[in-house]
Amino acid sequence: MTTSFPVGVAIFPPTVQKVIASIKRAEQAGISMAWVPSWPVGPDAMSIVTAAAVQTISIGLGTGISITYPCHPLTRVNEALVMAELAPERFRLGVGASHQPAIEGQYGLEFGKPIAHMREYVTVLRGLLWEGHIAFNGEYYHVHADLPPMISPPRFPIVLATLRKNMLRLAGEVSDGAMLIWSPLSYVRSIALPALEEGARLANRPRPPLIVSAPIVLDKDFGTVRQIAQAAFSVYSSFPTYRKMFAEAGYPLTPDGKLTDELIHELFIYGDEDTIRKRLYAMHDAGVDEILTAISPLKNSEREESAILEILASL
């Protein structure tokens, strides 16, 4: 296969220095995009990519994602304007609502109606970052603001974190990309792409690209992969939306809330270099527009990271 397609890497904090060093290595390897997630509690993705912007030259940088509820959209715009100066044409602003247990349990904020909240949030972002002004009165936000006269709207792509059908449909209406993590290809084909297309039709616009995660393990031993997968998913296992998504995809979780072996095989890209490359091409052939990889080194982390980056750069 010779068809190329966008492939980026997700680099998880902590630590901040580790993330920035990994972004630099990805840039040196020829990777086009690095995404930095934010945990409900931990180093902030926007701050990290801002620091990385002044230490890199060509690699794209994105928040994958920044959590919306604790940060007013006007504040997020102000932060993004820094990236407009430091990394013009390189930044993508990824935002997401996170999950009710995190927003209400950790932040103590009302989760309310996440679809309505996100629609208003993106409306404010779009108005200021794309048009330079916003006059909006909604259920969640009342924002009347203009960019300073000397600042032109940077028109960053706004990427929306999605999971279930309604958020995917909203992404089709208002976003410049939908990010979907922990998703089997059966869900991509039967739920995600049709919902995105439906939202785009409602707004009379082209369907935005679908960005799907692909954790990579450079190892053939499924027992090792199983351990890595269960440990990685433990962070998300308390969020009921994942349980519902896996059931819709035909891969229900075990009664104790763990991934089945069949689901791990669907979600994780593992094996030797040739197998990993073929699995990534299969994702693209299934309709995924852009792949967001996460590297899980086992023993020699630098060697394994280098080998995986080389695979990604060759796609």
C-alpha atoms as a PDB file:
ATOM      1  CA  MET A   1       0.000   0.000   0.000  1.00  0.00           C
ATOM      2  CA  THR A   2       1.275   3.447  -0.858  1.00  0.00           C
ATOM      3  CA  THR A   3      -1.609   5.734   0.133  1.00  0.00           C
ATOM      4  CA  SER A   4      -0.502   8.163   2.841  1.00  0.00           C
ATOM      5  CA  PHE A   5      -2.780   9.558   5.541  1.00  0.00           C
ATOM      6  CA  PRO A   6      -2.319  11.765   8.614  1.00  0.00           C
ATOM      7  CA  VAL A   7      -0.906  10.047  11.684  1.00  0.00           C
ATOM      8  CA  GLY A   8      -0.134  11.805  14.955  1.00  0.00           C
ATOM      9  CA  VAL A   9       1.006  10.801  18.404  1.00  0.00           C
ATOM     10  CA  ALA A  10      -0.663  11.379  21.752  1.00  0.00           C
ATOM     11  CA  ILE A  11       1.847  12.088  24.505  1.00  0.00           C
ATOM     12  CA  PHE A  12       0.471  11.883  28.021  1.00  0.00           C
ATOM     13  CA  PRO A  13       1.696  13.925  30.983  1.00  0.00           C
ATOM     14  CA  PRO A  14       3.235  13.776  33.485  1.00  0.00           C
ATOM     15  CA  THR A  15       5.951  14.820  33.386  1.00  0.00           C
ATOM     16  CA  VAL A  16       6.010  18.058  31.435  1.00  0.00           C
ATOM     17  CA  GLN A  17       9.688  17.652  30.530  1.00  0.00           C
ATOM     18  CA  LYS A  18       9.050  14.093  29.323  1.00  0.00           C
ATOM     19  CA  VAL A  19       6.221  15.247  27.072  1.00  0.00           C
ATOM     20  CA  ILE A  20       8.248  18.066  25.532  1.00  0.00           C
ATOM     21  CA  ALA A  21      11.224  15.760  24.937  1.00  0.00           C
ATOM     22  CA  SER A  22       8.916  13.231  23.251  1.00  0.00           C
ATOM     23  CA  ILE A  23       7.421  15.948  21.041  1.00  0.00           C
ATOM     24  CA  LYS A  24      10.923  16.942  19.937  1.00  0.00           C
ATOM     25  CA  ARG A  25      11.793  13.336  19.091  1.00  0.00           C
ATOM     26  CA  ALA A  26       8.547  12.967  17.146  1.00  0.00           C
ATOM     27  CA  GLU A  27       9.377  16.080  15.159  1.00  0.00           C
ATOM     28  CA  GLN A  28      12.871  14.778  14.400  1.00  0.00           C
ATOM     29  CA  ALA A  29      11.344  11.499  13.201  1.00  0.00           C
ATOM     30  CA  GLY A  30       9.096  13.344  10.755  1.00  0.00           C
ATOM     31  CA  ILE A  31       5.765  12.957  12.587  1.00  0.00           C
ATOM     32  CA  SER A  32       3.318  15.641  11.518  1.00  0.00           C
ATOM     33  CA  MET A  33       1.224  16.049  14.676  1.00  0.00           C
ATOM     34  CA  ALA A  34       1.550  15.726  18.456  1.00  0.00           C
ATOM     35  CA  TRP A  35      -1.482  15.823  20.742  1.00  0.00           C
ATOM     36  CA  VAL A  36      -1.264  16.422  24.495  1.00  0.00           C
ATOM     37  CA  PRO A  37      -4.233  15.332  26.649  1.00  0.00           C
ATOM     38  CA  SER A  38      -5.331  16.902  29.918  1.00  0.00           C
ATOM     39  CA  TRP A  39      -6.350  14.851  32.927  1.00  0.00           C
ATOM     40  CA  PRO A  40      -9.006  16.267  35.284  1.00  0.00           C
ATOM     41  CA  VAL A  41      -6.130  16.806  37.729  1.00  0.00           C
ATOM     42  CA  GLY A  42      -2.610  17.166  36.347  1.00  0.00           C
ATOM     43  CA  PRO A  43      -0.377  19.282  34.094  1.00  0.00           C
ATOM     44  CA  ASP A  44      -2.431  21.337  31.647  1.00  0.00           C
ATOM     45  CA  ALA A  45      -2.245  20.446  27.943  1.00  0.00           C
ATOM     46  CA  MET A  46      -2.535  24.023  26.692  1.00  0.00           C
ATOM     47  CA  SER A  47       0.386  25.092  28.849  1.00  0.00           C
ATOM     48  CA  ILE A  48       2.479  22.149  27.643  1.00  0.00           C
ATOM     49  CA  VAL A  49       1.892  22.736  23.931  1.00  0.00           C
ATOM     50  CA  THR A  50       2.601  26.431  24.436  1.00  0.00           C
ATOM     51  CA  ALA A  51       5.967  25.523  25.948  1.00  0.00           C
ATOM     52  CA  ALA A  52       6.592  23.051  23.113  1.00  0.00           C
ATOM     53  CA  ALA A  53       5.775  25.700  20.505  1.00  0.00           C
ATOM     54  CA  VAL A  54       8.938  27.640  21.269  1.00  0.00           C
ATOM     55  CA  GLN A  55      11.100  24.498  21.223  1.00  0.00           C
ATOM     56  CA  THR A  56       9.879  23.076  17.902  1.00  0.00           C
ATOM     57  CA  ILE A  57       9.716  24.272  14.310  1.00  0.00           C
ATOM     58  CA  SER A  58       7.447  22.159  12.121  1.00  0.00           C
ATOM     59  CA  ILE A  59       5.397  19.635  14.071  1.00  0.00           C
ATOM     60  CA  GLY A  60       1.694  20.335  14.545  1.00  0.00           C
ATOM     61  CA  LEU A  61       0.579  20.772  18.145  1.00  0.00           C
ATOM     62  CA  GLY A  62      -2.847  20.119  19.588  1.00  0.00           C
ATOM     63  CA  THR A  63      -4.675  19.856  22.859  1.00  0.00           C
ATOM     64  CA  GLY A  64      -6.197  16.426  22.800  1.00  0.00           C
ATOM     65  CA  ILE A  65      -8.252  17.442  24.696  1.00  0.00           C
ATOM     66  CA  SER A  66      -8.676  20.482  26.953  1.00  0.00           C
ATOM     67  CA  ILE A  67     -11.597  20.039  29.355  1.00  0.00           C
ATOM     68  CA  THR A  68     -14.286  22.664  28.867  1.00  0.00           C
ATOM     69  CA  TYR A  69     -16.315  22.918  32.091  1.00  0.00           C
ATOM     70  CA  PRO A  70     -13.625  24.401  34.393  1.00  0.00           C
ATOM     71  CA  CYS A  71     -12.376  26.913  31.773  1.00  0.00           C
ATOM     72  CA  HIS A  72     -14.543  29.716  30.373  1.00  0.00           C
ATOM     73  CA  PRO A  73     -14.417  29.729  26.537  1.00  0.00           C
ATOM     74  CA  LEU A  74     -13.204  33.334  26.485  1.00  0.00           C
ATOM     75  CA  THR A  75     -10.303  32.329  28.731  1.00  0.00           C
ATOM     76  CA  ARG A  76      -9.538  29.452  26.363  1.00  0.00           C
ATOM     77  CA  VAL A  77      -9.551  31.912  23.451  1.00  0.00           C
ATOM     78  CA  ASN A  78      -7.057  34.128  25.259  1.00  0.00           C
ATOM     79  CA  GLU A  79      -4.765  31.155  25.796  1.00  0.00           C
ATOM     80  CA  ALA A  80      -5.083  30.081  22.166  1.00  0.00           C
ATOM     81  CA  LEU A  81      -4.096  33.560  20.975  1.00  0.00           C
ATOM     82  CA  VAL A  82      -0.649  32.938  22.450  1.00  0.00           C
ATOM     83  CA  MET A  83      -0.295  29.933  20.138  1.00  0.00           C
ATOM     84  CA  ALA A  84      -1.344  32.173  17.238  1.00  0.00           C
ATOM     85  CA  GLU A  85       1.911  34.060  17.717  1.00  0.00           C
ATOM     86  CA  LEU A  86       4.178  31.222  18.766  1.00  0.00           C
ATOM     87  CA  ALA A  87       3.062  28.508  16.325  1.00  0.00           C
ATOM     88  CA  PRO A  88       0.934  29.982  13.537  1.00  0.00           C
ATOM     89  CA  GLU A  89      -0.572  27.357  11.235  1.00  0.00           C
ATOM     90  CA  ARG A  90       0.585  24.573  13.585  1.00  0.00           C
ATOM     91  CA  PHE A  91      -2.038  24.544  16.338  1.00  0.00           C
ATOM     92  CA  ARG A  92      -5.330  22.648  16.672  1.00  0.00           C
ATOM     93  CA  LEU A  93      -7.575  23.361  19.630  1.00  0.00           C
ATOM     94  CA  GLY A  94      -9.111  20.147  20.903  1.00  0.00           C
ATOM     95  CA  VAL A  95     -11.845  20.519  23.519  1.00  0.00           C
ATOM     96  CA  GLY A  96     -14.100  18.066  25.297  1.00  0.00           C
ATOM     97  CA  ALA A  97     -16.674  17.889  28.068  1.00  0.00           C
ATOM     98  CA  SER A  98     -14.969  14.985  29.903  1.00  0.00           C
ATOM     99  CA  HIS A  99     -17.358  12.878  32.020  1.00  0.00           C
ATOM    100  CA  GLN A 100     -19.910  13.484  34.743  1.00  0.00           C
ATOM    101  CA  PRO A 101     -17.956  11.655  37.510  1.00  0.00           C
ATOM    102  CA  ALA A 102     -14.934  13.892  36.870  1.00  0.00           C
ATOM    103  CA  ILE A 103     -16.790  17.185  36.476  1.00  0.00           C
ATOM    104  CA  GLU A 104     -19.152  16.727  39.405  1.00  0.00           C
ATOM    105  CA  GLY A 105     -17.032  14.456  41.595  1.00  0.00           C
ATOM    106  CA  GLN A 106     -13.667  16.232  41.272  1.00  0.00           C
ATOM    107  CA  TYR A 107     -14.491  19.789  40.214  1.00  0.00           C
ATOM    108  CA  GLY A 108     -17.809  20.037  42.023  1.00  0.00           C
ATOM    109  CA  LEU A 109     -19.427  21.588  38.946  1.00  0.00           C
ATOM    110  CA  GLU A 110     -22.834  20.730  37.539  1.00  0.00           C
ATOM    111  CA  PHE A 111     -22.509  18.579  34.413  1.00  0.00           C
ATOM    112  CA  GLY A 112     -25.945  19.571  33.182  1.00  0.00           C
ATOM    113  CA  LYS A 113     -26.561  18.941  29.488  1.00  0.00           C
ATOM    114  CA  PRO A 114     -23.167  18.296  27.866  1.00  0.00           C
ATOM    115  CA  ILE A 115     -24.410  18.577  24.275  1.00  0.00           C
ATOM    116  CA  ALA A 116     -25.962  22.003  24.892  1.00  0.00           C
ATOM    117  CA  HIS A 117     -22.929  23.081  26.903  1.00  0.00           C
ATOM    118  CA  MET A 118     -20.526  22.032  24.162  1.00  0.00           C
ATOM    119  CA  ARG A 119     -22.569  23.674  21.414  1.00  0.00           C
ATOM    120  CA  GLU A 120     -22.420  26.987  23.260  1.00  0.00           C
ATOM    121  CA  TYR A 121     -18.723  26.561  24.086  1.00  0.00           C
ATOM    122  CA  VAL A 122     -17.793  25.996  20.451  1.00  0.00           C
ATOM    123  CA  THR A 123     -20.037  28.882  19.383  1.00  0.00           C
ATOM    124  CA  VAL A 124     -17.984  31.261  21.519  1.00  0.00           C
ATOM    125  CA  LEU A 125     -14.687  29.777  20.331  1.00  0.00           C
ATOM    126  CA  ARG A 126     -15.762  29.969  16.697  1.00  0.00           C
ATOM    127  CA  GLY A 127     -16.992  33.534  16.972  1.00  0.00           C
ATOM    128  CA  LEU A 128     -13.794  34.906  18.443  1.00  0.00           C
ATOM    129  CA  LEU A 129     -11.157  32.652  16.851  1.00  0.00           C
ATOM    130  CA  TRP A 130     -12.706  32.695  13.378  1.00  0.00           C
ATOM    131  CA  GLU A 131     -14.708  35.939  13.128  1.00  0.00           C
ATOM    132  CA  GLY A 132     -13.034  38.108  15.750  1.00  0.00           C
ATOM    133  CA  HIS A 133     -16.214  38.921  17.669  1.00  0.00           C
ATOM    134  CA  ILE A 134     -19.035  37.258  19.555  1.00  0.00           C
ATOM    135  CA  ALA A 135     -22.398  38.473  20.842  1.00  0.00           C
ATOM    136  CA  PHE A 136     -24.030  35.428  22.393  1.00  0.00           C
ATOM    137  CA  ASN A 137     -26.613  34.771  25.088  1.00  0.00           C
ATOM    138  CA  GLY A 138     -27.210  31.129  25.865  1.00  0.00           C
ATOM    139  CA  GLU A 139     -28.134  28.837  28.713  1.00  0.00           C
ATOM    140  CA  TYR A 140     -24.542  28.384  29.863  1.00  0.00           C
ATOM    141  CA  TYR A 141     -22.685  31.418  28.521  1.00  0.00           C
ATOM    142  CA  HIS A 142     -23.361  35.104  27.930  1.00  0.00           C
ATOM    143  CA  VAL A 143     -20.380  36.464  26.043  1.00  0.00           C
ATOM    144  CA  HIS A 144     -20.015  39.809  24.278  1.00  0.00           C
ATOM    145  CA  ALA A 145     -16.444  40.411  23.170  1.00  0.00           C
ATOM    146  CA  ASP A 146     -14.196  41.446  20.292  1.00  0.00           C
ATOM    147  CA  LEU A 147     -10.556  40.714  19.582  1.00  0.00           C
ATOM    148  CA  PRO A 148      -8.267  43.743  19.907  1.00  0.00           C
ATOM    149  CA  PRO A 149      -7.982  45.639  16.593  1.00  0.00           C
ATOM    150  CA  MET A 150      -4.356  44.592  16.070  1.00  0.00           C
ATOM    151  CA  ILE A 151      -5.165  40.857  16.342  1.00  0.00           C
ATOM    152  CA  SER A 152      -6.567  38.992  13.360  1.00  0.00           C
ATOM    153  CA  PRO A 153      -8.667  35.865  13.984  1.00  0.00           C
ATOM    154  CA  PRO A 154      -6.212  32.946  13.789  1.00  0.00           C
ATOM    155  CA  ARG A 155      -8.872  30.478  12.573  1.00  0.00           C
ATOM    156  CA  PHE A 156      -7.425  27.488  14.361  1.00  0.00           C
ATOM    157  CA  PRO A 157      -9.170  24.175  13.663  1.00  0.00           C
ATOM    158  CA  ILE A 158     -11.491  23.328  16.550  1.00  0.00           C
ATOM    159  CA  VAL A 159     -11.538  19.590  17.280  1.00  0.00           C
ATOM    160  CA  LEU A 160     -14.268  18.090  19.424  1.00  0.00           C
ATOM    161  CA  ALA A 161     -13.818  15.045  21.671  1.00  0.00           C
ATOM    162  CA  THR A 162     -16.650  12.622  20.940  1.00  0.00           C
ATOM    163  CA  LEU A 163     -17.903   9.256  22.116  1.00  0.00           C
ATOM    164  CA  ARG A 164     -21.630   8.694  21.689  1.00  0.00           C
ATOM    165  CA  LYS A 165     -23.927   9.429  18.766  1.00  0.00           C
ATOM    166  CA  ASN A 166     -25.243  12.829  19.880  1.00  0.00           C
ATOM    167  CA  MET A 167     -21.791  14.329  20.436  1.00  0.00           C
ATOM    168  CA  LEU A 168     -20.620  12.899  17.117  1.00  0.00           C
ATOM    169  CA  ARG A 169     -23.606  14.502  15.403  1.00  0.00           C
ATOM    170  CA  LEU A 170     -22.768  17.834  17.059  1.00  0.00           C
ATOM    171  CA  ALA A 171     -19.163  17.510  15.879  1.00  0.00           C
ATOM    172  CA  GLY A 172     -20.454  17.052  12.362  1.00  0.00           C
ATOM    173  CA  GLU A 173     -22.373  20.311  12.703  1.00  0.00           C
ATOM    174  CA  VAL A 174     -19.864  22.626  14.370  1.00  0.00           C
ATOM    175  CA  SER A 175     -16.312  21.218  14.530  1.00  0.00           C
ATOM    176  CA  ASP A 176     -13.256  20.964  12.288  1.00  0.00           C
ATOM    177  CA  GLY A 177     -12.623  17.400  13.434  1.00  0.00           C
ATOM    178  CA  ALA A 178     -14.043  14.740  15.750  1.00  0.00           C
ATOM    179  CA  MET A 179     -11.688  12.868  18.074  1.00  0.00           C
ATOM    180  CA  LEU A 180     -12.758   9.378  19.128  1.00  0.00           C
ATOM    181  CA  ILE A 181     -10.726   7.266  21.557  1.00  0.00           C
ATOM    182  CA  TRP A 182     -11.122   3.634  22.666  1.00  0.00           C
ATOM    183  CA  SER A 183     -13.314   2.884  19.664  1.00  0.00           C
ATOM    184  CA  PRO A 184     -13.540  -0.445  17.790  1.00  0.00           C
ATOM    185  CA  LEU A 185     -13.758  -0.160  14.005  1.00  0.00           C
ATOM    186  CA  SER A 186     -17.272  -1.649  14.117  1.00  0.00           C
ATOM    187  CA  TYR A 187     -18.357   1.457  16.058  1.00  0.00           C
ATOM    188  CA  VAL A 188     -16.513   3.741  13.621  1.00  0.00           C
ATOM    189  CA  ARG A 189     -18.366   2.244  10.670  1.00  0.00           C
ATOM    190  CA  SER A 190     -21.856   1.770  12.127  1.00  0.00           C
ATOM    191  CA  ILE A 191     -22.177   4.716  14.539  1.00  0.00           C
ATOM    192  CA  ALA A 192     -19.433   7.343  14.312  1.00  0.00           C
ATOM    193  CA  LEU A 193     -19.199   8.037  10.595  1.00  0.00           C
ATOM    194  CA  PRO A 194     -22.981   8.032   9.981  1.00  0.00           C
ATOM    195  CA  ALA A 195     -23.553  10.382  12.946  1.00  0.00           C
ATOM    196  CA  LEU A 196     -20.832  12.758  11.761  1.00  0.00           C
ATOM    197  CA  GLU A 197     -22.296  12.747   8.281  1.00  0.00           C
ATOM    198  CA  GLU A 198     -25.783  13.392   9.652  1.00  0.00           C
ATOM    199  CA  GLY A 199     -24.574  16.406  11.609  1.00  0.00           C
ATOM    200  CA  ALA A 200     -22.742  17.778   8.605  1.00  0.00           C
ATOM    201  CA  ARG A 201     -25.892  17.431   6.469  1.00  0.00           C
ATOM    202  CA  LEU A 202     -27.925  19.294   9.077  1.00  0.00           C
ATOM    203  CA  ALA A 203     -25.462  22.181   8.879  1.00  0.00           C
ATOM    204  CA  ASN A 204     -25.090  21.937   5.095  1.00  0.00           C
ATOM    205  CA  ARG A 205     -21.325  21.565   5.320  1.00  0.00           C
ATOM    206  CA  PRO A 206     -18.705  18.901   4.471  1.00  0.00           C
ATOM    207  CA  ARG A 207     -18.178  16.162   7.029  1.00  0.00           C
ATOM    208  CA  PRO A 208     -15.224  17.029   9.276  1.00  0.00           C
ATOM    209  CA  PRO A 209     -12.425  14.456   9.555  1.00  0.00           C
ATOM    210  CA  LEU A 210     -12.697  11.643  12.067  1.00  0.00           C
ATOM    211  CA  ILE A 211      -9.601  11.175  14.257  1.00  0.00           C
ATOM    212  CA  VAL A 212      -9.463   7.770  15.974  1.00  0.00           C
ATOM    213  CA  SER A 213      -7.018   6.577  18.625  1.00  0.00           C
ATOM    214  CA  ALA A 214      -4.728   3.579  18.175  1.00  0.00           C
ATOM    215  CA  PRO A 215      -2.603   2.493  21.147  1.00  0.00           C
ATOM    216  CA  ILE A 216       0.512   0.730  19.835  1.00  0.00           C
ATOM    217  CA  VAL A 217       2.543  -1.995  21.550  1.00  0.00           C
ATOM    218  CA  LEU A 218       5.624  -3.313  19.765  1.00  0.00           C
ATOM    219  CA  ASP A 219       5.254  -6.867  21.075  1.00  0.00           C
ATOM    220  CA  LYS A 220       3.743 -10.138  19.802  1.00  0.00           C
ATOM    221  CA  ASP A 221       2.842 -11.543  23.222  1.00  0.00           C
ATOM    222  CA  PHE A 222      -0.879 -11.014  23.791  1.00  0.00           C
ATOM    223  CA  GLY A 223      -0.499 -11.619  27.523  1.00  0.00           C
ATOM    224  CA  THR A 224       1.741  -8.573  27.737  1.00  0.00           C
ATOM    225  CA  VAL A 225      -0.657  -6.550  25.607  1.00  0.00           C
ATOM    226  CA  ARG A 226      -3.558  -7.599  27.859  1.00  0.00           C
ATOM    227  CA  GLN A 227      -1.756  -6.292  30.950  1.00  0.00           C
ATOM    228  CA  ILE A 228      -0.992  -2.972  29.275  1.00  0.00           C
ATOM    229  CA  ALA A 229      -4.556  -2.616  27.987  1.00  0.00           C
ATOM    230  CA  GLN A 230      -6.261  -3.329  31.299  1.00  0.00           C
ATOM    231  CA  ALA A 231      -3.942  -0.938  33.131  1.00  0.00           C
ATOM    232  CA  ALA A 232      -4.553   1.805  30.558  1.00  0.00           C
ATOM    233  CA  PHE A 233      -8.328   1.346  30.621  1.00  0.00           C
ATOM    234  CA  SER A 234      -8.523   1.396  34.425  1.00  0.00           C
ATOM    235  CA  VAL A 235      -8.403   5.207  34.257  1.00  0.00           C
ATOM    236  CA  TYR A 236     -11.595   5.210  32.133  1.00  0.00           C
ATOM    237  CA  SER A 237     -13.446   2.209  33.578  1.00  0.00           C
ATOM    238  CA  SER A 238     -15.542   4.316  35.989  1.00  0.00           C
ATOM    239  CA  PHE A 239     -17.098   6.284  33.111  1.00  0.00           C
ATOM    240  CA  PRO A 240     -20.388   4.604  32.052  1.00  0.00           C
ATOM    241  CA  THR A 241     -20.297   6.129  28.550  1.00  0.00           C
ATOM    242  CA  TYR A 242     -17.492   3.747  27.578  1.00  0.00           C
ATOM    243  CA  ARG A 243     -19.469   0.738  28.766  1.00  0.00           C
ATOM    244  CA  LYS A 244     -22.405   1.870  26.601  1.00  0.00           C
ATOM    245  CA  MET A 245     -20.194   2.506  23.569  1.00  0.00           C
ATOM    246  CA  PHE A 246     -18.533  -0.913  23.753  1.00  0.00           C
ATOM    247  CA  ALA A 247     -21.934  -2.599  24.059  1.00  0.00           C
ATOM    248  CA  GLU A 248     -23.187  -0.733  20.976  1.00  0.00           C
ATOM    249  CA  ALA A 249     -20.059  -1.823  19.099  1.00  0.00           C
ATOM    250  CA  GLY A 250     -20.718  -5.473  19.963  1.00  0.00           C
ATOM    251  CA  TYR A 251     -17.929  -5.808  22.546  1.00  0.00           C
ATOM    252  CA  PRO A 252     -19.510  -5.510  26.010  1.00  0.00           C
ATOM    253  CA  LEU A 253     -17.204  -5.249  28.991  1.00  0.00           C
ATOM    254  CA  THR A 254     -16.858  -8.137  31.415  1.00  0.00           C
ATOM    255  CA  PRO A 255     -19.199  -8.143  34.468  1.00  0.00           C
ATOM    256  CA  ASP A 256     -16.393  -6.615  36.554  1.00  0.00           C
ATOM    257  CA  GLY A 257     -15.891  -3.796  34.054  1.00  0.00           C
ATOM    258  CA  LYS A 258     -12.786  -5.002  32.230  1.00  0.00           C
ATOM    259  CA  LEU A 259     -11.950  -5.275  28.547  1.00  0.00           C
ATOM    260  CA  THR A 260     -12.502  -8.652  26.914  1.00  0.00           C
ATOM    261  CA  ASP A 261      -9.662 -10.194  24.926  1.00  0.00           C
ATOM    262  CA  GLU A 262     -11.649  -9.648  21.712  1.00  0.00           C
ATOM    263  CA  LEU A 263     -12.036  -5.951  22.500  1.00  0.00           C
ATOM    264  CA  ILE A 264      -8.346  -5.570  23.344  1.00  0.00           C
ATOM    265  CA  HIS A 265      -7.454  -7.049  19.975  1.00  0.00           C
ATOM    266  CA  GLU A 266      -9.752  -4.528  18.289  1.00  0.00           C
ATOM    267  CA  LEU A 267      -8.485  -1.515  20.221  1.00  0.00           C
ATOM    268  CA  PHE A 268      -4.735  -2.155  20.469  1.00  0.00           C
ATOM    269  CA  ILE A 269      -2.321  -2.296  17.540  1.00  0.00           C
ATOM    270  CA  TYR A 270       0.354  -4.818  18.501  1.00  0.00           C
ATOM    271  CA  GLY A 271       2.829  -7.264  16.991  1.00  0.00           C
ATOM    272  CA  ASP A 272       5.892  -6.769  14.839  1.00  0.00           C
ATOM    273  CA  GLU A 273       6.542  -3.718  12.683  1.00  0.00           C
ATOM    274  CA  ASP A 274       4.896  -5.154   9.573  1.00  0.00           C
ATOM    275  CA  THR A 275       1.766  -6.193  11.481  1.00  0.00           C
ATOM    276  CA  ILE A 276       1.464  -2.762  13.094  1.00  0.00           C
ATOM    277  CA  ARG A 277       1.789  -1.065   9.724  1.00  0.00           C
ATOM    278  CA  LYS A 278      -0.908  -3.301   8.196  1.00  0.00           C
ATOM    279  CA  ARG A 279      -3.299  -2.692  11.095  1.00  0.00           C
ATOM    280  CA  LEU A 280      -2.902   1.080  10.735  1.00  0.00           C
ATOM    281  CA  TYR A 281      -3.637   0.898   7.016  1.00  0.00           C
ATOM    282  CA  ALA A 282      -6.709  -1.221   7.815  1.00  0.00           C
ATOM    283  CA  MET A 283      -7.993   1.550  10.098  1.00  0.00           C
ATOM    284  CA  HIS A 284      -7.631   4.057   7.281  1.00  0.00           C
ATOM    285  CA  ASP A 285      -9.342   1.689   4.843  1.00  0.00           C
ATOM    286  CA  ALA A 286     -12.267   1.393   7.300  1.00  0.00           C
ATOM    287  CA  GLY A 287     -12.941   5.124   7.004  1.00  0.00           C
ATOM    288  CA  VAL A 288     -10.704   6.670   9.668  1.00  0.00           C
ATOM    289  CA  ASP A 289      -9.402   9.978   8.281  1.00  0.00           C
ATOM    290  CA  GLU A 290      -6.597  10.491  10.788  1.00  0.00           C
ATOM    291  CA  ILE A 291      -5.029   8.162  13.335  1.00  0.00           C
ATOM    292  CA  LEU A 292      -3.996   9.277  16.805  1.00  0.00           C
ATOM    293  CA  THR A 293      -1.440   6.797  18.096  1.00  0.00           C
ATOM    294  CA  ALA A 294      -0.268   6.302  21.645  1.00  0.00           C
ATOM    295  CA  ILE A 295       3.032   4.533  22.167  1.00  0.00           C
ATOM    296  CA  SER A 296       3.314   2.062  25.061  1.00  0.00           C
ATOM    297  CA  PRO A 297       7.001   1.114  25.450  1.00  0.00           C
ATOM    298  CA  LEU A 298       7.796  -2.089  27.336  1.00  0.00           C
ATOM    299  CA  LYS A 299      11.495  -2.618  28.028  1.00  0.00           C
ATOM    300  CA  ASN A 300      13.861  -0.403  26.067  1.00  0.00           C
ATOM    301  CA  SER A 301      11.574   2.623  25.852  1.00  0.00           C
ATOM    302  CA  GLU A 302      13.814   4.764  23.646  1.00  0.00           C
ATOM    303  CA  ARG A 303      14.479   1.967  21.166  1.00  0.00           C
ATOM    304  CA  GLU A 304      10.824   0.953  20.987  1.00  0.00           C
ATOM    305  CA  GLU A 305       9.650   4.560  20.674  1.00  0.00           C
ATOM    306  CA  SER A 306      12.169   5.154  17.904  1.00  0.00           C
ATOM    307  CA  ALA A 307      11.054   2.018  16.038  1.00  0.00           C
ATOM    308  CA  ILE A 308       7.379   2.961  16.289  1.00  0.00           C
ATOM    309  CA  LEU A 309       8.024   6.553  15.228  1.00  0.00           C
ATOM    310  CA  GLU A 310       9.863   5.197  12.200  1.00  0.00           C
ATOM    311  CA  ILE A 311       6.817   3.066  11.308  1.00  0.00           C
ATOM    312  CA  LEU A 312       4.499   6.065  11.649  1.00  0.00           C
ATOM    313  CA  ALA A 313       6.721   8.341   9.600  1.00  0.00           C
ATOM    314  CA  SER A 314       6.721   5.782   6.774  1.00  0.00           C
ATOM    315  CA  LEU A 315       2.931   5.743   6.381  1.00  0.00           C
END
